[in-house]
Amino acid sequence: MSLIKMVFFTLALCSFLSCTRSEPAQSSSLINWSGAYPAAILQSGEHPLWFLLTEDGPVHITAVEDAAAIYALVPWPYALHIRFMNEKDGHIVMAVNRDGFLKLGPYKTGSHDLALYRFPAQAWQQYTVGGLVYFDDLPAAVIYHDRRFLISDTPSSWPRIWSFNMNSNIPFPADIPVLRQFPHEEGWDIDTLRLAENGFYYYRAARRNALQPEVRIYRTASLAQDGQEISVEMFYNSAPRENIISHPSLPRLPEGFVYTGTGRTANSLFASWEEQEDYSIGAAGFVVIKH
């Protein structure tokens, strides 16, 4: 049977099992903890482990049906959901829109237990995630101010590039050289940054609030080198195709819910899910199951 081994820290966290506030437990193994600490240790089994994204991080729910109608549907740029995910070295790294990073992978070398880490970034709360790549062997997410569905005087995001490492649970600003030609001070947003299957990085810079709105699209073989301006057609042709995600091991979802991505770590299958309607998202989260 599936088991979630909860880890409590010096601050009262929301228990993934009861979803209620708990008093902090003193643990000798955590008093001298150095580096990033896991939010939870998971043991996947034949029964799926469902998680719902909240402003305080993922919480465990009994079934995905429990998430229905919890959140109002809002346009996707402003909704809490797993925007991007990458697999690297046996771990899954996620950029959670309006929240920060999550990382899921083996707790210890050779172990089937999974450690779930959270790296919350308060600076992301007003912005949308535009991409997740690796640079200098570290994850790098770009955030921007999306104005498609909302008129706002919120300034362009700065810092606009964020990363993390396993030294702590606090994300930190990062720099990607190829994006320096679009200064934040001049109103530039980077709303797309992705690595395509052909090995090129594609990125889009925009000044949509300027007196003369401007959008420029580039690609480059290296994030440390200047890019080449390309056509809109080439940009969209490089985008990943949207396919219906299915896997025989994944549980069926209720009507109105869809899987948006899958990955593998240790002996487990991971899948992100969302409650969707047109361009809006309600509840969102992920599921982990032994594979």
Protein backbone atom coordinates (compact mmCIF):
# COMPACT_ATOMS: atom_id res chain seq x y z
CA MET A 1 0.00 0.00 0.00
CA SER A 2 1.26 3.49 -0.79
CA LEU A 3 2.80 5.41 2.04
CA ILE A 4 3.78 9.03 2.46
CA LYS A 5 6.44 9.60 5.07
CA MET A 6 5.93 13.14 6.23
CA VAL A 7 8.80 15.35 7.29
CA PHE A 8 8.08 18.30 9.57
CA PHE A 9 10.33 21.32 9.93
CA THR A 10 10.81 24.21 12.31
CA LEU A 11 7.82 26.02 10.81
CA ALA A 12 4.32 24.55 10.95
CA LEU A 13 3.59 23.12 7.52
CA CYS A 14 0.35 21.85 6.05
CA SER A 15 0.26 18.06 6.45
CA PHE A 16 -0.09 16.34 3.08
CA LEU A 17 -2.21 13.66 4.71
CA SER A 18 -4.72 15.73 6.64
CA CYS A 19 -4.28 19.11 4.88
CA THR A 20 -4.55 20.77 8.29
CA ARG A 21 -2.00 22.83 10.18
CA SER A 22 0.28 20.85 12.46
CA GLU A 23 2.64 21.91 15.20
CA PRO A 24 6.30 21.57 14.28
CA ALA A 25 7.92 18.36 15.42
CA GLN A 26 11.46 18.35 16.78
CA SER A 27 13.64 15.93 14.84
CA SER A 28 17.30 15.36 15.62
CA SER A 29 17.87 14.49 11.97
CA LEU A 30 16.72 17.98 10.94
CA ILE A 31 18.31 20.11 13.64
CA ASN A 32 21.67 19.85 11.86
CA TRP A 33 20.20 19.67 8.37
CA SER A 34 22.32 21.41 5.75
CA GLY A 35 21.21 22.23 2.24
CA ALA A 36 17.74 22.05 0.73
CA TYR A 37 15.29 19.98 2.77
CA PRO A 38 12.51 17.85 1.27
CA ALA A 39 8.90 18.83 1.84
CA ALA A 40 7.99 15.14 1.88
CA ILE A 41 9.36 11.66 1.28
CA LEU A 42 7.08 9.56 -0.91
CA GLN A 43 6.75 5.83 -1.41
CA SER A 44 4.74 5.11 -4.53
CA GLY A 45 2.71 1.92 -4.79
CA GLU A 46 -0.12 0.39 -6.73
CA HIS A 47 -2.44 3.18 -5.61
CA PRO A 48 -1.80 6.67 -7.05
CA LEU A 49 -0.62 9.51 -4.85
CA TRP A 50 -2.57 12.63 -5.83
CA PHE A 51 -1.33 16.14 -5.07
CA LEU A 52 -3.12 19.48 -5.40
CA LEU A 53 -1.14 22.69 -5.90
CA THR A 54 -1.92 25.43 -3.38
CA GLU A 55 -0.36 28.77 -2.49
CA ASP A 56 1.42 26.98 0.37
CA GLY A 57 2.74 24.19 -1.82
CA PRO A 58 1.44 20.77 -2.89
CA VAL A 59 -0.96 18.99 -0.54
CA HIS A 60 -1.94 15.34 -0.69
CA ILE A 61 -5.56 14.57 -1.58
CA THR A 62 -7.31 11.21 -1.52
CA ALA A 63 -8.56 11.36 -5.09
CA VAL A 64 -8.42 13.82 -7.97
CA GLU A 65 -12.22 14.18 -7.76
CA ASP A 66 -11.63 16.00 -4.46
CA ALA A 67 -10.08 18.87 -6.44
CA ALA A 68 -13.12 19.53 -8.62
CA ALA A 69 -14.53 23.05 -8.27
CA ILE A 70 -12.10 24.01 -5.49
CA TYR A 71 -10.68 26.89 -7.50
CA ALA A 72 -12.40 29.29 -9.85
CA LEU A 73 -11.35 29.00 -13.47
CA VAL A 74 -8.97 31.81 -14.43
CA PRO A 75 -6.97 32.48 -17.63
CA TRP A 76 -3.94 30.21 -17.68
CA PRO A 77 -1.27 32.95 -17.32
CA TYR A 78 -2.64 33.76 -13.86
CA ALA A 79 -3.40 30.22 -12.68
CA LEU A 80 -1.37 28.03 -10.36
CA HIS A 81 -0.20 25.04 -12.44
CA ILE A 82 2.89 23.18 -13.54
CA ARG A 83 3.90 25.31 -16.49
CA PHE A 84 7.03 23.43 -17.56
CA MET A 85 8.94 20.35 -16.50
CA ASN A 86 12.31 18.83 -17.41
CA GLU A 87 13.93 15.49 -16.62
CA LYS A 88 17.63 15.47 -15.80
CA ASP A 89 19.86 12.96 -14.03
CA GLY A 90 16.90 10.92 -12.85
CA HIS A 91 15.05 13.90 -11.34
CA ILE A 92 12.03 15.89 -12.50
CA VAL A 93 12.27 19.67 -12.17
CA MET A 94 9.08 21.73 -12.48
CA ALA A 95 8.39 25.44 -12.84
CA VAL A 96 5.08 26.14 -11.10
CA ASN A 97 3.30 29.19 -12.42
CA ARG A 98 2.94 31.97 -9.80
CA ASP A 99 4.83 29.91 -7.21
CA GLY A 100 8.37 28.63 -7.83
CA PHE A 101 10.19 25.37 -8.44
CA LEU A 102 9.44 21.78 -7.48
CA LYS A 103 11.88 18.90 -7.72
CA LEU A 104 11.07 15.19 -7.46
CA GLY A 105 13.61 12.39 -7.49
CA PRO A 106 15.23 9.56 -5.57
CA TYR A 107 15.69 10.36 -1.89
CA LYS A 108 18.99 8.49 -1.78
CA THR A 109 21.11 6.77 -4.40
CA GLY A 110 19.55 3.44 -5.28
CA SER A 111 16.42 4.14 -3.23
CA HIS A 112 12.88 3.83 -4.56
CA ASP A 113 11.71 6.45 -2.04
CA LEU A 114 11.15 9.84 -3.66
CA ALA A 115 12.02 13.22 -2.20
CA LEU A 116 9.77 16.16 -3.09
CA TYR A 117 11.47 19.54 -2.76
CA ARG A 118 9.83 22.95 -3.00
CA PHE A 119 11.62 26.20 -3.81
CA PRO A 120 8.98 28.96 -3.41
CA ALA A 121 9.64 32.35 -4.99
CA GLN A 122 7.50 35.24 -3.76
CA ALA A 123 8.68 37.33 -6.71
CA TRP A 124 6.77 35.01 -9.08
CA GLN A 125 3.33 35.72 -7.62
CA GLN A 126 2.46 38.52 -10.08
CA TYR A 127 4.11 36.97 -13.11
CA THR A 128 3.84 34.12 -15.60
CA VAL A 129 6.50 31.51 -16.30
CA GLY A 130 7.72 31.77 -19.89
CA GLY A 131 10.23 28.95 -20.02
CA LEU A 132 12.40 26.42 -18.20
CA VAL A 133 15.83 25.44 -19.52
CA TYR A 134 19.22 24.44 -18.15
CA PHE A 135 22.17 26.84 -18.23
CA ASP A 136 25.56 26.12 -16.65
CA ASP A 137 24.04 22.82 -15.48
CA LEU A 138 21.40 24.58 -13.36
CA PRO A 139 17.68 25.01 -14.05
CA ALA A 140 16.71 28.49 -15.19
CA ALA A 141 13.15 29.78 -15.42
CA VAL A 142 12.13 33.04 -17.03
CA ILE A 143 9.10 34.99 -15.78
CA TYR A 144 7.23 37.86 -17.44
CA HIS A 145 4.17 40.05 -17.05
CA ASP A 146 1.38 38.67 -19.24
CA ARG A 147 -1.05 41.35 -20.42
CA ARG A 148 -3.21 39.31 -22.81
CA PHE A 149 -6.20 38.94 -20.49
CA LEU A 150 -5.63 41.72 -17.96
CA ILE A 151 -4.88 45.43 -18.21
CA SER A 152 -2.34 46.21 -15.50
CA ASP A 153 0.34 48.73 -14.68
CA THR A 154 2.49 46.05 -13.05
CA PRO A 155 6.06 46.61 -14.30
CA SER A 156 8.03 44.06 -16.26
CA SER A 157 9.44 41.36 -14.02
CA TRP A 158 12.85 41.90 -12.48
CA PRO A 159 14.78 39.80 -11.81
CA ARG A 160 13.27 37.89 -14.70
CA ILE A 161 15.48 34.79 -14.61
CA TRP A 162 15.53 32.49 -11.57
CA SER A 163 17.38 29.35 -10.60
CA PHE A 164 18.02 27.13 -7.59
CA ASN A 165 20.50 24.57 -6.32
CA MET A 166 20.49 22.06 -3.52
CA ASN A 167 22.28 24.35 -1.07
CA SER A 168 18.96 25.79 0.15
CA ASN A 169 15.24 26.00 -0.60
CA ILE A 170 15.51 29.65 -1.66
CA PRO A 171 15.61 30.38 -5.42
CA PHE A 172 18.01 33.06 -6.59
CA PRO A 173 18.27 35.43 -9.58
CA ALA A 174 20.29 34.17 -12.52
CA ASP A 175 21.67 35.53 -15.77
CA ILE A 176 21.46 34.19 -19.32
CA PRO A 177 23.86 36.12 -21.59
CA VAL A 178 21.79 35.86 -24.77
CA LEU A 179 18.93 37.79 -23.14
CA ARG A 180 21.03 40.80 -22.12
CA GLN A 181 20.31 42.57 -25.40
CA PHE A 182 16.73 43.13 -24.18
CA PRO A 183 17.16 45.31 -21.07
CA HIS A 184 14.45 45.29 -18.46
CA GLU A 185 14.91 49.04 -18.07
CA GLU A 186 13.70 49.53 -21.64
CA GLY A 187 10.48 47.61 -20.97
CA TRP A 188 11.44 44.28 -22.53
CA ASP A 189 9.77 41.06 -21.38
CA ILE A 190 10.97 37.59 -22.36
CA ASP A 191 7.74 35.63 -22.70
CA THR A 192 9.14 32.47 -24.30
CA LEU A 193 12.36 30.53 -23.85
CA ARG A 194 12.54 26.89 -24.90
CA LEU A 195 14.91 24.22 -26.17
CA ALA A 196 13.51 22.56 -29.31
CA GLU A 197 14.07 19.03 -30.53
CA ASN A 198 16.45 20.33 -33.20
CA GLY A 199 18.89 21.50 -30.50
CA PHE A 200 18.23 25.23 -30.92
CA TYR A 201 16.96 27.55 -28.19
CA TYR A 202 14.06 29.77 -29.25
CA TYR A 203 13.13 32.95 -27.41
CA ARG A 204 10.73 35.84 -27.87
CA ALA A 205 11.17 39.35 -26.51
CA ALA A 206 8.32 41.85 -26.40
CA ARG A 207 7.56 45.45 -25.45
CA ARG A 208 3.78 45.34 -25.62
CA ASN A 209 3.23 48.38 -23.38
CA ALA A 210 5.50 50.69 -25.38
CA LEU A 211 4.18 53.57 -27.49
CA GLN A 212 5.24 51.46 -30.47
CA PRO A 213 4.76 47.83 -29.38
CA GLU A 214 7.50 45.53 -30.60
CA VAL A 215 8.00 41.75 -30.70
CA ARG A 216 11.27 40.13 -31.76
CA ILE A 217 11.94 36.40 -32.15
CA TYR A 218 15.32 34.65 -32.18
CA ARG A 219 17.01 31.30 -32.03
CA THR A 220 20.50 30.31 -30.95
CA ALA A 221 22.60 27.18 -30.61
CA SER A 222 23.98 28.42 -27.28
CA LEU A 223 22.52 30.61 -24.54
CA ALA A 224 25.96 32.17 -24.18
CA GLN A 225 25.99 33.43 -27.78
CA ASP A 226 23.95 35.99 -29.70
CA GLY A 227 20.92 34.65 -31.50
CA GLN A 228 19.65 34.98 -35.05
CA GLU A 229 16.36 36.74 -35.71
CA ILE A 230 13.82 34.39 -37.31
CA SER A 231 10.32 34.49 -38.78
CA VAL A 232 7.11 33.92 -36.86
CA GLU A 233 6.48 30.81 -38.97
CA MET A 234 9.83 29.29 -38.03
CA PHE A 235 9.15 30.10 -34.37
CA TYR A 236 5.78 28.37 -34.28
CA ASN A 237 7.02 25.39 -36.30
CA SER A 238 9.62 24.79 -33.59
CA ALA A 239 7.02 24.58 -30.82
CA PRO A 240 6.26 21.16 -29.32
CA ARG A 241 3.14 19.54 -30.70
CA GLU A 242 0.15 19.34 -28.39
CA ASN A 243 -0.81 15.69 -28.04
CA ILE A 244 -3.35 13.95 -25.86
CA ILE A 245 -1.35 12.40 -23.03
CA SER A 246 -2.26 8.83 -22.14
CA HIS A 247 -0.49 5.93 -20.46
CA PRO A 248 -1.91 2.56 -19.41
CA SER A 249 -0.61 3.06 -15.86
CA LEU A 250 -2.25 6.47 -15.40
CA PRO A 251 -5.66 6.60 -13.69
CA ARG A 252 -8.58 8.03 -15.61
CA LEU A 253 -9.40 11.67 -14.92
CA PRO A 254 -12.86 13.19 -14.38
CA GLU A 255 -14.51 15.13 -17.15
CA GLY A 256 -12.90 18.53 -17.59
CA PHE A 257 -9.50 17.32 -16.33
CA VAL A 258 -6.49 16.53 -18.54
CA TYR A 259 -2.94 15.32 -18.16
CA THR A 260 -0.41 17.88 -19.34
CA GLY A 261 2.94 16.12 -18.96
CA THR A 262 4.59 12.90 -17.85
CA GLY A 263 7.98 11.80 -16.59
CA ARG A 264 9.76 8.97 -14.81
CA THR A 265 11.95 8.93 -11.74
CA ALA A 266 13.23 5.90 -9.82
CA ASN A 267 10.51 3.26 -10.22
CA SER A 268 7.67 5.79 -10.43
CA LEU A 269 5.59 7.43 -13.13
CA PHE A 270 4.79 11.13 -12.70
CA ALA A 271 2.06 13.10 -14.45
CA SER A 272 0.87 16.68 -14.10
CA TRP A 273 -2.86 17.38 -14.45
CA GLU A 274 -5.17 20.37 -14.76
CA GLU A 275 -8.84 21.22 -14.63
CA GLN A 276 -9.34 23.08 -17.93
CA GLU A 277 -12.00 25.00 -19.79
CA ASP A 278 -11.02 26.83 -22.97
CA TYR A 279 -8.08 29.07 -22.00
CA SER A 280 -8.72 28.83 -18.27
CA ILE A 281 -7.43 26.58 -15.48
CA GLY A 282 -9.02 25.72 -12.15
CA ALA A 283 -7.40 23.11 -9.92
CA ALA A 284 -4.01 21.68 -10.89
CA GLY A 285 -1.51 19.26 -9.48
CA PHE A 286 0.27 15.98 -10.13
CA VAL A 287 0.06 12.24 -9.49
CA VAL A 288 2.77 9.71 -8.70
CA ILE A 289 2.33 5.96 -9.14
CA LYS A 290 4.64 2.96 -9.10
CA HIS A 291 5.59 1.89 -12.61
